[in-house]
PDB file of N, CA and C in Angstrom:
ATOM      1  N   UNK A   1      93.143  76.503  95.999  1.00  0.00           N
ATOM      2  CA  UNK A   1      93.034  77.902  95.541  1.00  0.00           C
ATOM      3  C   UNK A   1      91.402  77.843  95.954  1.00  0.00           C
ATOM      4  N   UNK A   2      90.711  78.532  96.362  1.00  0.00           N
ATOM      5  CA  UNK A   2      89.339  79.141  96.955  1.00  0.00           C
ATOM      6  C   UNK A   2      88.685  79.391  95.343  1.00  0.00           C
ATOM      7  N   UNK A   3      87.485  78.540  95.386  1.00  0.00           N
ATOM      8  CA  UNK A   3      86.374  79.262  94.314  1.00  0.00           C
ATOM      9  C   UNK A   3      85.737  80.406  94.699  1.00  0.00           C
ATOM     10  N   UNK A   4      85.971  81.477  93.666  1.00  0.00           N
ATOM     11  CA  UNK A   4      85.592  82.535  93.677  1.00  0.00           C
ATOM     12  C   UNK A   4      84.922  82.861  92.682  1.00  0.00           C
ATOM     13  N   UNK A   5      83.675  83.900  93.029  1.00  0.00           N
ATOM     14  CA  UNK A   5      82.944  84.435  91.855  1.00  0.00           C
ATOM     15  C   UNK A   5      83.567  85.789  91.263  1.00  0.00           C
ATOM     16  N   UNK A   6      84.218  86.158  90.467  1.00  0.00           N
ATOM     17  CA  UNK A   6      84.880  87.490  90.000  1.00  0.00           C
ATOM     18  C   UNK A   6      84.229  88.600  89.430  1.00  0.00           C
ATOM     19  N   UNK A   7      84.319  89.540  89.635  1.00  0.00           N
ATOM     20  CA  UNK A   7      83.771  90.934  89.204  1.00  0.00           C
ATOM     21  C   UNK A   7      84.342  90.764  88.019  1.00  0.00           C
ATOM     22  N   UNK A   8      83.936  91.603  87.319  1.00  0.00           N
ATOM     23  CA  UNK A   8      84.438  91.629  85.638  1.00  0.00           C
ATOM     24  C   UNK A   8      85.758  92.742  85.659  1.00  0.00           C
ATOM     25  N   UNK A   9      86.155  93.135  86.681  1.00  0.00           N
ATOM     26  CA  UNK A   9      87.161  94.198  86.542  1.00  0.00           C
ATOM     27  C   UNK A   9      88.215  93.259  87.245  1.00  0.00           C
ATOM     28  N   UNK A  10      88.324  92.160  87.602  1.00  0.00           N
ATOM     29  CA  UNK A  10      89.146  91.374  88.057  1.00  0.00           C
ATOM     30  C   UNK A  10      89.684  90.050  87.282  1.00  0.00           C
ATOM     31  N   UNK A  11      90.814  90.157  86.691  1.00  0.00           N
ATOM     32  CA  UNK A  11      90.762  88.802  85.882  1.00  0.00           C
ATOM     33  C   UNK A  11      92.130  87.916  86.583  1.00  0.00           C
ATOM     34  N   UNK A  12      91.445  86.776  86.359  1.00  0.00           N
ATOM     35  CA  UNK A  12      92.877  85.976  86.960  1.00  0.00           C
ATOM     36  C   UNK A  12      93.936  85.609  86.160  1.00  0.00           C
ATOM     37  N   UNK A  13      95.474  85.421  86.825  1.00  0.00           N
ATOM     38  CA  UNK A  13      96.303  85.192  86.022  1.00  0.00           C
ATOM     39  C   UNK A  13      97.217  84.215  86.821  1.00  0.00           C
ATOM     40  N   UNK A  14      98.278  83.488  86.305  1.00  0.00           N
ATOM     41  CA  UNK A  14      98.717  82.502  86.863  1.00  0.00           C
ATOM     42  C   UNK A  14     100.188  82.852  87.398  1.00  0.00           C
ATOM     43  N   UNK A  15     100.273  83.074  88.509  1.00  0.00           N
ATOM     44  CA  UNK A  15     102.068  83.548  89.043  1.00  0.00           C
ATOM     45  C   UNK A  15     102.054  82.816  90.395  1.00  0.00           C
ATOM     46  N   UNK A  16     103.145  81.944  89.942  1.00  0.00           N
ATOM     47  CA  UNK A  16     103.482  81.010  91.128  1.00  0.00           C
ATOM     48  C   UNK A  16     104.450  81.473  92.408  1.00  0.00           C
ATOM     49  N   UNK A  17     105.153  82.398  92.461  1.00  0.00           N
ATOM     50  CA  UNK A  17     105.763  83.153  93.381  1.00  0.00           C
ATOM     51  C   UNK A  17     105.609  84.676  93.516  1.00  0.00           C
ATOM     52  N   UNK A  18     105.788  85.347  94.570  1.00  0.00           N
ATOM     53  CA  UNK A  18     105.754  86.764  94.751  1.00  0.00           C
ATOM     54  C   UNK A  18     107.139  87.125  93.879  1.00  0.00           C
ATOM     55  N   UNK A  19     107.177  88.205  92.854  1.00  0.00           N
ATOM     56  CA  UNK A  19     108.594  88.895  92.491  1.00  0.00           C
ATOM     57  C   UNK A  19     109.573  88.798  93.455  1.00  0.00           C
ATOM     58  N   UNK A  20     108.973  89.698  94.471  1.00  0.00           N
ATOM     59  CA  UNK A  20     109.993  89.936  95.399  1.00  0.00           C
ATOM     60  C   UNK A  20     110.510  89.019  96.478  1.00  0.00           C
ATOM     61  N   UNK A  21     109.353  88.394  97.191  1.00  0.00           N
ATOM     62  CA  UNK A  21     109.890  87.656  98.284  1.00  0.00           C
ATOM     63  C   UNK A  21     109.823  86.268  98.040  1.00  0.00           C
ATOM     64  N   UNK A  22     109.271  86.073  96.722  1.00  0.00           N
ATOM     65  CA  UNK A  22     109.746  84.251  96.093  1.00  0.00           C
ATOM     66  C   UNK A  22     108.436  83.425  97.119  1.00  0.00           C
ATOM     67  N   UNK A  23     107.529  83.912  98.117  1.00  0.00           N
ATOM     68  CA  UNK A  23     106.445  83.244  98.292  1.00  0.00           C
ATOM     69  C   UNK A  23     105.354  82.556  97.338  1.00  0.00           C
ATOM     70  N   UNK A  24     105.411  81.546  97.572  1.00  0.00           N
ATOM     71  CA  UNK A  24     104.402  80.803  96.848  1.00  0.00           C
ATOM     72  C   UNK A  24     102.779  81.771  97.026  1.00  0.00           C
ATOM     73  N   UNK A  25     101.999  81.810  95.459  1.00  0.00           N
ATOM     74  CA  UNK A  25     100.946  82.804  95.613  1.00  0.00           C
ATOM     75  C   UNK A  25      99.849  81.851  95.277  1.00  0.00           C
ATOM     76  N   UNK A  26      98.966  81.630  96.167  1.00  0.00           N
ATOM     77  CA  UNK A  26      97.724  80.842  96.030  1.00  0.00           C
ATOM     78  C   UNK A  26      97.029  81.457  94.985  1.00  0.00           C
ATOM     79  N   UNK A  27      96.427  82.983  94.692  1.00  0.00           N
ATOM     80  CA  UNK A  27      95.541  83.356  93.859  1.00  0.00           C
ATOM     81  C   UNK A  27      96.339  84.335  93.579  1.00  0.00           C
ATOM     82  N   UNK A  28      96.404  84.896  92.110  1.00  0.00           N
ATOM     83  CA  UNK A  28      96.828  86.123  91.333  1.00  0.00           C
ATOM     84  C   UNK A  28      95.791  86.703  90.425  1.00  0.00           C
ATOM     85  N   UNK A  29      95.550  88.201  90.763  1.00  0.00           N
ATOM     86  CA  UNK A  29      94.818  88.686  89.447  1.00  0.00           C
ATOM     87  C   UNK A  29      95.302  89.939  88.776  1.00  0.00           C
ATOM     88  N   UNK A  30      94.895  90.254  87.679  1.00  0.00           N
ATOM     89  CA  UNK A  30      95.076  91.646  87.291  1.00  0.00           C
ATOM     90  C   UNK A  30      93.885  92.206  87.943  1.00  0.00           C
ATOM     91  N   UNK A  31      93.904  93.622  88.303  1.00  0.00           N
ATOM     92  CA  UNK A  31      92.807  94.216  89.012  1.00  0.00           C
ATOM     93  C   UNK A  31      92.713  95.532  88.550  1.00  0.00           C
ATOM     94  N   UNK A  32      91.716  96.578  88.696  1.00  0.00           N
ATOM     95  CA  UNK A  32      91.779  97.946  88.205  1.00  0.00           C
ATOM     96  C   UNK A  32      92.380  98.622  89.447  1.00  0.00           C
ATOM     97  N   UNK A  33      93.400  99.576  88.984  1.00  0.00           N
ATOM     98  CA  UNK A  33      94.203  99.919  90.236  1.00  0.00           C
ATOM     99  C   UNK A  33      93.452 101.223  91.026  1.00  0.00           C
ATOM    100  N   UNK A  34      92.334 101.650  90.060  1.00  0.00           N
ATOM    101  CA  UNK A  34      91.348 102.011  91.085  1.00  0.00           C
ATOM    102  C   UNK A  34      90.306 101.582  92.113  1.00  0.00           C
ATOM    103  N   UNK A  35      90.338 100.488  92.126  1.00  0.00           N
ATOM    104  CA  UNK A  35      89.509  99.548  92.923  1.00  0.00           C
ATOM    105  C   UNK A  35      90.469  98.359  93.890  1.00  0.00           C
ATOM    106  N   UNK A  36      91.852  98.987  93.846  1.00  0.00           N
ATOM    107  CA  UNK A  36      92.635  98.244  94.595  1.00  0.00           C
ATOM    108  C   UNK A  36      92.229  98.423  96.248  1.00  0.00           C
ATOM    109  N   UNK A  37      92.158  96.940  96.809  1.00  0.00           N
ATOM    110  CA  UNK A  37      91.511  97.241  98.138  1.00  0.00           C
ATOM    111  C   UNK A  37      90.557  97.618  98.616  1.00  0.00           C
ATOM    112  N   UNK A  38      89.817  98.558  97.840  1.00  0.00           N
ATOM    113  CA  UNK A  38      88.759  99.416  98.490  1.00  0.00           C
ATOM    114  C   UNK A  38      87.849  98.216  98.704  1.00  0.00           C
ATOM    115  N   UNK A  39      87.569  98.255 100.008  1.00  0.00           N
ATOM    116  CA  UNK A  39      86.168  97.812 101.055  1.00  0.00           C
ATOM    117  C   UNK A  39      86.524  96.112 100.953  1.00  0.00           C
ATOM    118  N   UNK A  40      85.619  95.646 101.028  1.00  0.00           N
ATOM    119  CA  UNK A  40      85.209  93.880 101.068  1.00  0.00           C
ATOM    120  C   UNK A  40      85.132  93.234  99.431  1.00  0.00           C
ATOM    121  N   UNK A  41      85.727  92.164  99.111  1.00  0.00           N
ATOM    122  CA  UNK A  41      85.374  91.698  98.038  1.00  0.00           C
ATOM    123  C   UNK A  41      86.184  90.502  97.913  1.00  0.00           C
ATOM    124  N   UNK A  42      85.882  89.689  96.852  1.00  0.00           N
ATOM    125  CA  UNK A  42      86.002  88.021  96.796  1.00  0.00           C
ATOM    126  C   UNK A  42      87.936  88.103  96.970  1.00  0.00           C
ATOM    127  N   UNK A  43      88.459  89.061  95.968  1.00  0.00           N
ATOM    128  CA  UNK A  43      89.584  88.643  95.427  1.00  0.00           C
ATOM    129  C   UNK A  43      90.601  89.435  96.970  1.00  0.00           C
ATOM    130  N   UNK A  44      90.119  90.615  97.572  1.00  0.00           N
ATOM    131  CA  UNK A  44      90.610  91.455  98.459  1.00  0.00           C
ATOM    132  C   UNK A  44      90.547  91.120  99.912  1.00  0.00           C
ATOM    133  N   UNK A  45      89.311  90.112 100.054  1.00  0.00           N
ATOM    134  CA  UNK A  45      88.674  89.620 101.436  1.00  0.00           C
ATOM    135  C   UNK A  45      88.414  91.097 102.297  1.00  0.00           C
ATOM    136  N   UNK A  46      88.038  90.923 103.522  1.00  0.00           N
ATOM    137  CA  UNK A  46      87.421  92.016 104.492  1.00  0.00           C
ATOM    138  C   UNK A  46      88.577  92.367 105.203  1.00  0.00           C
ATOM    139  N   UNK A  47      88.162  94.226 105.531  1.00  0.00           N
ATOM    140  CA  UNK A  47      89.069  94.885 105.956  1.00  0.00           C
ATOM    141  C   UNK A  47      89.679  93.962 107.350  1.00  0.00           C
ATOM    142  N   UNK A  48      90.746  93.965 107.927  1.00  0.00           N
ATOM    143  CA  UNK A  48      90.977  93.635 109.036  1.00  0.00           C
ATOM    144  C   UNK A  48      91.527  92.229 109.333  1.00  0.00           C
ATOM    145  N   UNK A  49      91.203  91.782 107.855  1.00  0.00           N
ATOM    146  CA  UNK A  49      91.319  90.393 107.344  1.00  0.00           C
ATOM    147  C   UNK A  49      92.630  90.077 106.535  1.00  0.00           C
ATOM    148  N   UNK A  50      93.397  91.249 105.885  1.00  0.00           N
ATOM    149  CA  UNK A  50      94.015  90.942 104.778  1.00  0.00           C
ATOM    150  C   UNK A  50      95.313  91.613 105.814  1.00  0.00           C
ATOM    151  N   UNK A  51      96.675  91.490 104.962  1.00  0.00           N
ATOM    152  CA  UNK A  51      97.593  92.176 105.429  1.00  0.00           C
ATOM    153  C   UNK A  51      98.737  92.466 104.259  1.00  0.00           C
ATOM    154  N   UNK A  52      99.378  93.567 104.088  1.00  0.00           N
ATOM    155  CA  UNK A  52     100.063  93.619 103.068  1.00  0.00           C
ATOM    156  C   UNK A  52     101.573  93.032 103.261  1.00  0.00           C
ATOM    157  N   UNK A  53     101.904  92.152 102.405  1.00  0.00           N
ATOM    158  CA  UNK A  53     103.257  91.518 102.452  1.00  0.00           C
ATOM    159  C   UNK A  53     104.177  92.458 101.899  1.00  0.00           C
ATOM    160  N   UNK A  54     104.084  92.300 100.412  1.00  0.00           N
ATOM    161  CA  UNK A  54     105.270  93.295  99.738  1.00  0.00           C
ATOM    162  C   UNK A  54     104.335  93.906  98.614  1.00  0.00           C
ATOM    163  N   UNK A  55     105.140  94.792  98.263  1.00  0.00           N
ATOM    164  CA  UNK A  55     104.710  95.713  96.881  1.00  0.00           C
ATOM    165  C   UNK A  55     105.615  96.521  95.820  1.00  0.00           C
ATOM    166  N   UNK A  56     105.392  96.144  95.001  1.00  0.00           N
ATOM    167  CA  UNK A  56     106.343  97.607  93.912  1.00  0.00           C
ATOM    168  C   UNK A  56     105.205  98.532  93.629  1.00  0.00           C
ATOM    169  N   UNK A  57     105.216 100.095  93.905  1.00  0.00           N
ATOM    170  CA  UNK A  57     104.342 100.873  94.226  1.00  0.00           C
ATOM    171  C   UNK A  57     104.001 100.862  92.450  1.00  0.00           C
ATOM    172  N   UNK A  58     102.524 100.968  92.666  1.00  0.00           N
ATOM    173  CA  UNK A  58     101.943 101.104  91.221  1.00  0.00           C
ATOM    174  C   UNK A  58     101.737  99.941  90.204  1.00  0.00           C
ATOM    175  N   UNK A  59     102.770  98.857  90.850  1.00  0.00           N
ATOM    176  CA  UNK A  59     102.691  97.998  89.638  1.00  0.00           C
ATOM    177  C   UNK A  59     102.119  96.756  90.470  1.00  0.00           C
ATOM    178  N   UNK A  60     101.889  96.422  91.409  1.00  0.00           N
ATOM    179  CA  UNK A  60     101.368  95.258  92.036  1.00  0.00           C
ATOM    180  C   UNK A  60     101.501  95.189  93.362  1.00  0.00           C
ATOM    181  N   UNK A  61     100.676  94.042  94.291  1.00  0.00           N
ATOM    182  CA  UNK A  61     100.413  93.916  95.818  1.00  0.00           C
ATOM    183  C   UNK A  61     100.456  92.867  96.045  1.00  0.00           C
ATOM    184  N   UNK A  62     101.403  92.224  96.816  1.00  0.00           N
ATOM    185  CA  UNK A  62     101.194  90.984  97.643  1.00  0.00           C
ATOM    186  C   UNK A  62     100.541  90.924  98.619  1.00  0.00           C
ATOM    187  N   UNK A  63      99.577  90.676  99.230  1.00  0.00           N
ATOM    188  CA  UNK A  63      98.830  90.563 100.560  1.00  0.00           C
ATOM    189  C   UNK A  63      98.484  88.822 101.056  1.00  0.00           C
ATOM    190  N   UNK A  64      98.137  88.780 102.131  1.00  0.00           N
ATOM    191  CA  UNK A  64      97.751  87.663 102.774  1.00  0.00           C
ATOM    192  C   UNK A  64      96.308  87.875 103.442  1.00  0.00           C
ATOM    193  N   UNK A  65      95.436  86.715 103.019  1.00  0.00           N
ATOM    194  CA  UNK A  65      94.206  87.120 103.426  1.00  0.00           C
ATOM    195  C   UNK A  65      93.656  85.649 104.199  1.00  0.00           C
ATOM    196  N   UNK A  66      93.170  86.037 105.169  1.00  0.00           N
ATOM    197  CA  UNK A  66      92.375  85.011 106.726  1.00  0.00           C
ATOM    198  C   UNK A  66      91.287  84.635 105.651  1.00  0.00           C
ATOM    199  N   UNK A  67      90.939  83.803 105.357  1.00  0.00           N
ATOM    200  CA  UNK A  67      89.845  82.970 104.961  1.00  0.00           C
ATOM    201  C   UNK A  67      88.867  82.959 106.235  1.00  0.00           C
ATOM    202  N   UNK A  68      87.648  82.526 105.904  1.00  0.00           N
ATOM    203  CA  UNK A  68      86.762  82.063 107.013  1.00  0.00           C
ATOM    204  C   UNK A  68      87.005  80.586 107.850  1.00  0.00           C
ATOM    205  N   UNK A  69      87.900  79.825 107.122  1.00  0.00           N
ATOM    206  CA  UNK A  69      88.062  78.576 107.976  1.00  0.00           C
ATOM    207  C   UNK A  69      89.268  79.014 108.563  1.00  0.00           C
ATOM    208  N   UNK A  70      89.854  79.944 108.700  1.00  0.00           N
ATOM    209  CA  UNK A  70      91.260  80.078 109.682  1.00  0.00           C
ATOM    210  C   UNK A  70      92.115  80.010 108.725  1.00  0.00           C
ATOM    211  N   UNK A  71      92.364  79.602 107.513  1.00  0.00           N
ATOM    212  CA  UNK A  71      93.750  79.164 106.584  1.00  0.00           C
ATOM    213  C   UNK A  71      94.290  81.045 105.999  1.00  0.00           C
ATOM    214  N   UNK A  72      95.534  80.831 105.903  1.00  0.00           N
ATOM    215  CA  UNK A  72      96.077  81.973 105.298  1.00  0.00           C
ATOM    216  C   UNK A  72      96.344  81.689 103.705  1.00  0.00           C
ATOM    217  N   UNK A  73      95.519  82.466 102.720  1.00  0.00           N
ATOM    218  CA  UNK A  73      95.907  82.585 101.429  1.00  0.00           C
ATOM    219  C   UNK A  73      97.025  83.951 101.358  1.00  0.00           C
ATOM    220  N   UNK A  74      97.926  83.545 100.087  1.00  0.00           N
ATOM    221  CA  UNK A  74      98.825  84.809  99.772  1.00  0.00           C
ATOM    222  C   UNK A  74      98.282  85.223  98.307  1.00  0.00           C
ATOM    223  N   UNK A  75      98.089  86.214  98.207  1.00  0.00           N
ATOM    224  CA  UNK A  75      97.385  86.696  96.614  1.00  0.00           C
ATOM    225  C   UNK A  75      98.073  87.790  96.234  1.00  0.00           C
ATOM    226  N   UNK A  76      98.096  87.684  95.166  1.00  0.00           N
ATOM    227  CA  UNK A  76      99.129  88.699  94.035  1.00  0.00           C
ATOM    228  C   UNK A  76      97.947  89.843  93.385  1.00  0.00           C
ATOM    229  N   UNK A  77      98.264  91.034  93.403  1.00  0.00           N
ATOM    230  CA  UNK A  77      97.293  91.643  92.374  1.00  0.00           C
ATOM    231  C   UNK A  77      98.024  92.582  91.601  1.00  0.00           C
ATOM    232  N   UNK A  78      97.988  92.600  90.488  1.00  0.00           N
ATOM    233  CA  UNK A  78      98.698  93.132  89.726  1.00  0.00           C
ATOM    234  C   UNK A  78      97.785  94.347  89.104  1.00  0.00           C
ATOM    235  N   UNK A  79      98.383  95.565  89.359  1.00  0.00           N
ATOM    236  CA  UNK A  79      97.165  96.685  89.145  1.00  0.00           C
ATOM    237  C   UNK A  79      97.517  97.170  88.023  1.00  0.00           C
ATOM    238  N   UNK A  80      96.418  97.571  87.015  1.00  0.00           N
ATOM    239  CA  UNK A  80      95.961  97.825  85.712  1.00  0.00           C
ATOM    240  C   UNK A  80      95.625  99.001  85.815  1.00  0.00           C
ATOM    241  N   UNK A  81      96.043  99.873  85.025  1.00  0.00           N
ATOM    242  CA  UNK A  81      96.165 101.695  85.353  1.00  0.00           C
ATOM    243  C   UNK A  81      94.717 102.093  84.741  1.00  0.00           C
ATOM    244  N   UNK A  82      93.993 100.873  83.925  1.00  0.00           N
ATOM    245  CA  UNK A  82      92.710 101.110  83.604  1.00  0.00           C
ATOM    246  C   UNK A  82      92.051 100.191  82.900  1.00  0.00           C
ATOM    247  N   UNK A  83      90.525 100.313  82.896  1.00  0.00           N
ATOM    248  CA  UNK A  83      89.583  99.138  82.902  1.00  0.00           C
ATOM    249  C   UNK A  83      89.822  98.441  81.557  1.00  0.00           C
ATOM    250  N   UNK A  84      89.148  97.184  81.988  1.00  0.00           N
ATOM    251  CA  UNK A  84      89.110  95.835  81.259  1.00  0.00           C
ATOM    252  C   UNK A  84      88.229  96.429  79.800  1.00  0.00           C
ATOM    253  N   UNK A  85      88.915  95.929  78.510  1.00  0.00           N
ATOM    254  CA  UNK A  85      90.083  95.081  78.270  1.00  0.00           C
ATOM    255  C   UNK A  85      91.221  95.482  77.608  1.00  0.00           C
ATOM    256  N   UNK A  86      91.222  97.468  77.870  1.00  0.00           N
ATOM    257  CA  UNK A  86      92.185  98.011  77.528  1.00  0.00           C
ATOM    258  C   UNK A  86      93.434  97.727  78.265  1.00  0.00           C
ATOM    259  N   UNK A  87      93.366  97.002  79.572  1.00  0.00           N
ATOM    260  CA  UNK A  87      94.563  97.095  80.153  1.00  0.00           C
ATOM    261  C   UNK A  87      95.666  95.901  79.921  1.00  0.00           C
ATOM    262  N   UNK A  88      95.069  94.880  79.067  1.00  0.00           N
ATOM    263  CA  UNK A  88      95.788  93.923  78.756  1.00  0.00           C
ATOM    264  C   UNK A  88      96.915  93.926  78.242  1.00  0.00           C
ATOM    265  N   UNK A  89      97.169  94.875  76.822  1.00  0.00           N
ATOM    266  CA  UNK A  89      98.143  94.984  76.337  1.00  0.00           C
ATOM    267  C   UNK A  89      99.124  95.817  76.927  1.00  0.00           C
ATOM    268  N   UNK A  90      98.699  96.597  78.152  1.00  0.00           N
ATOM    269  CA  UNK A  90      99.705  97.522  78.876  1.00  0.00           C
ATOM    270  C   UNK A  90     100.277  96.801  79.914  1.00  0.00           C
ATOM    271  N   UNK A  91      99.755  95.469  80.191  1.00  0.00           N
ATOM    272  CA  UNK A  91     100.483  94.833  81.268  1.00  0.00           C
ATOM    273  C   UNK A  91     101.868  94.412  81.056  1.00  0.00           C
ATOM    274  N   UNK A  92     102.910  94.461  82.043  1.00  0.00           N
ATOM    275  CA  UNK A  92     104.107  94.164  81.768  1.00  0.00           C
ATOM    276  C   UNK A  92     104.822  93.350  83.363  1.00  0.00           C
ATOM    277  N   UNK A  93     104.691  92.056  82.929  1.00  0.00           N
ATOM    278  CA  UNK A  93     105.216  91.406  84.254  1.00  0.00           C
ATOM    279  C   UNK A  93     106.605  91.879  84.624  1.00  0.00           C
ATOM    280  N   UNK A  94     106.789  91.832  85.665  1.00  0.00           N
ATOM    281  CA  UNK A  94     108.255  92.617  86.236  1.00  0.00           C
ATOM    282  C   UNK A  94     108.900  91.169  86.905  1.00  0.00           C
TER     283      UNK A  94
END
């Protein structure tokens, strides 16, 4: 797993596999839904270097990200409806 400097609106969580396709997840986080996939970031990667794998609309997104080394990481983002810390009690793992 890559070591990253996370922004305050991204919180790491432990999710071993994608809830839909059951593929191993390298990095998982709870993110602010309003920021999901916007531009380049440590979690989302760069535009053109990330691909949607599967999703549950409005709940989570599974993406693959091509790292600078050429390796592919699978990431899962749980989409929080509002900013931290208010999102924590609302999170429901599906």
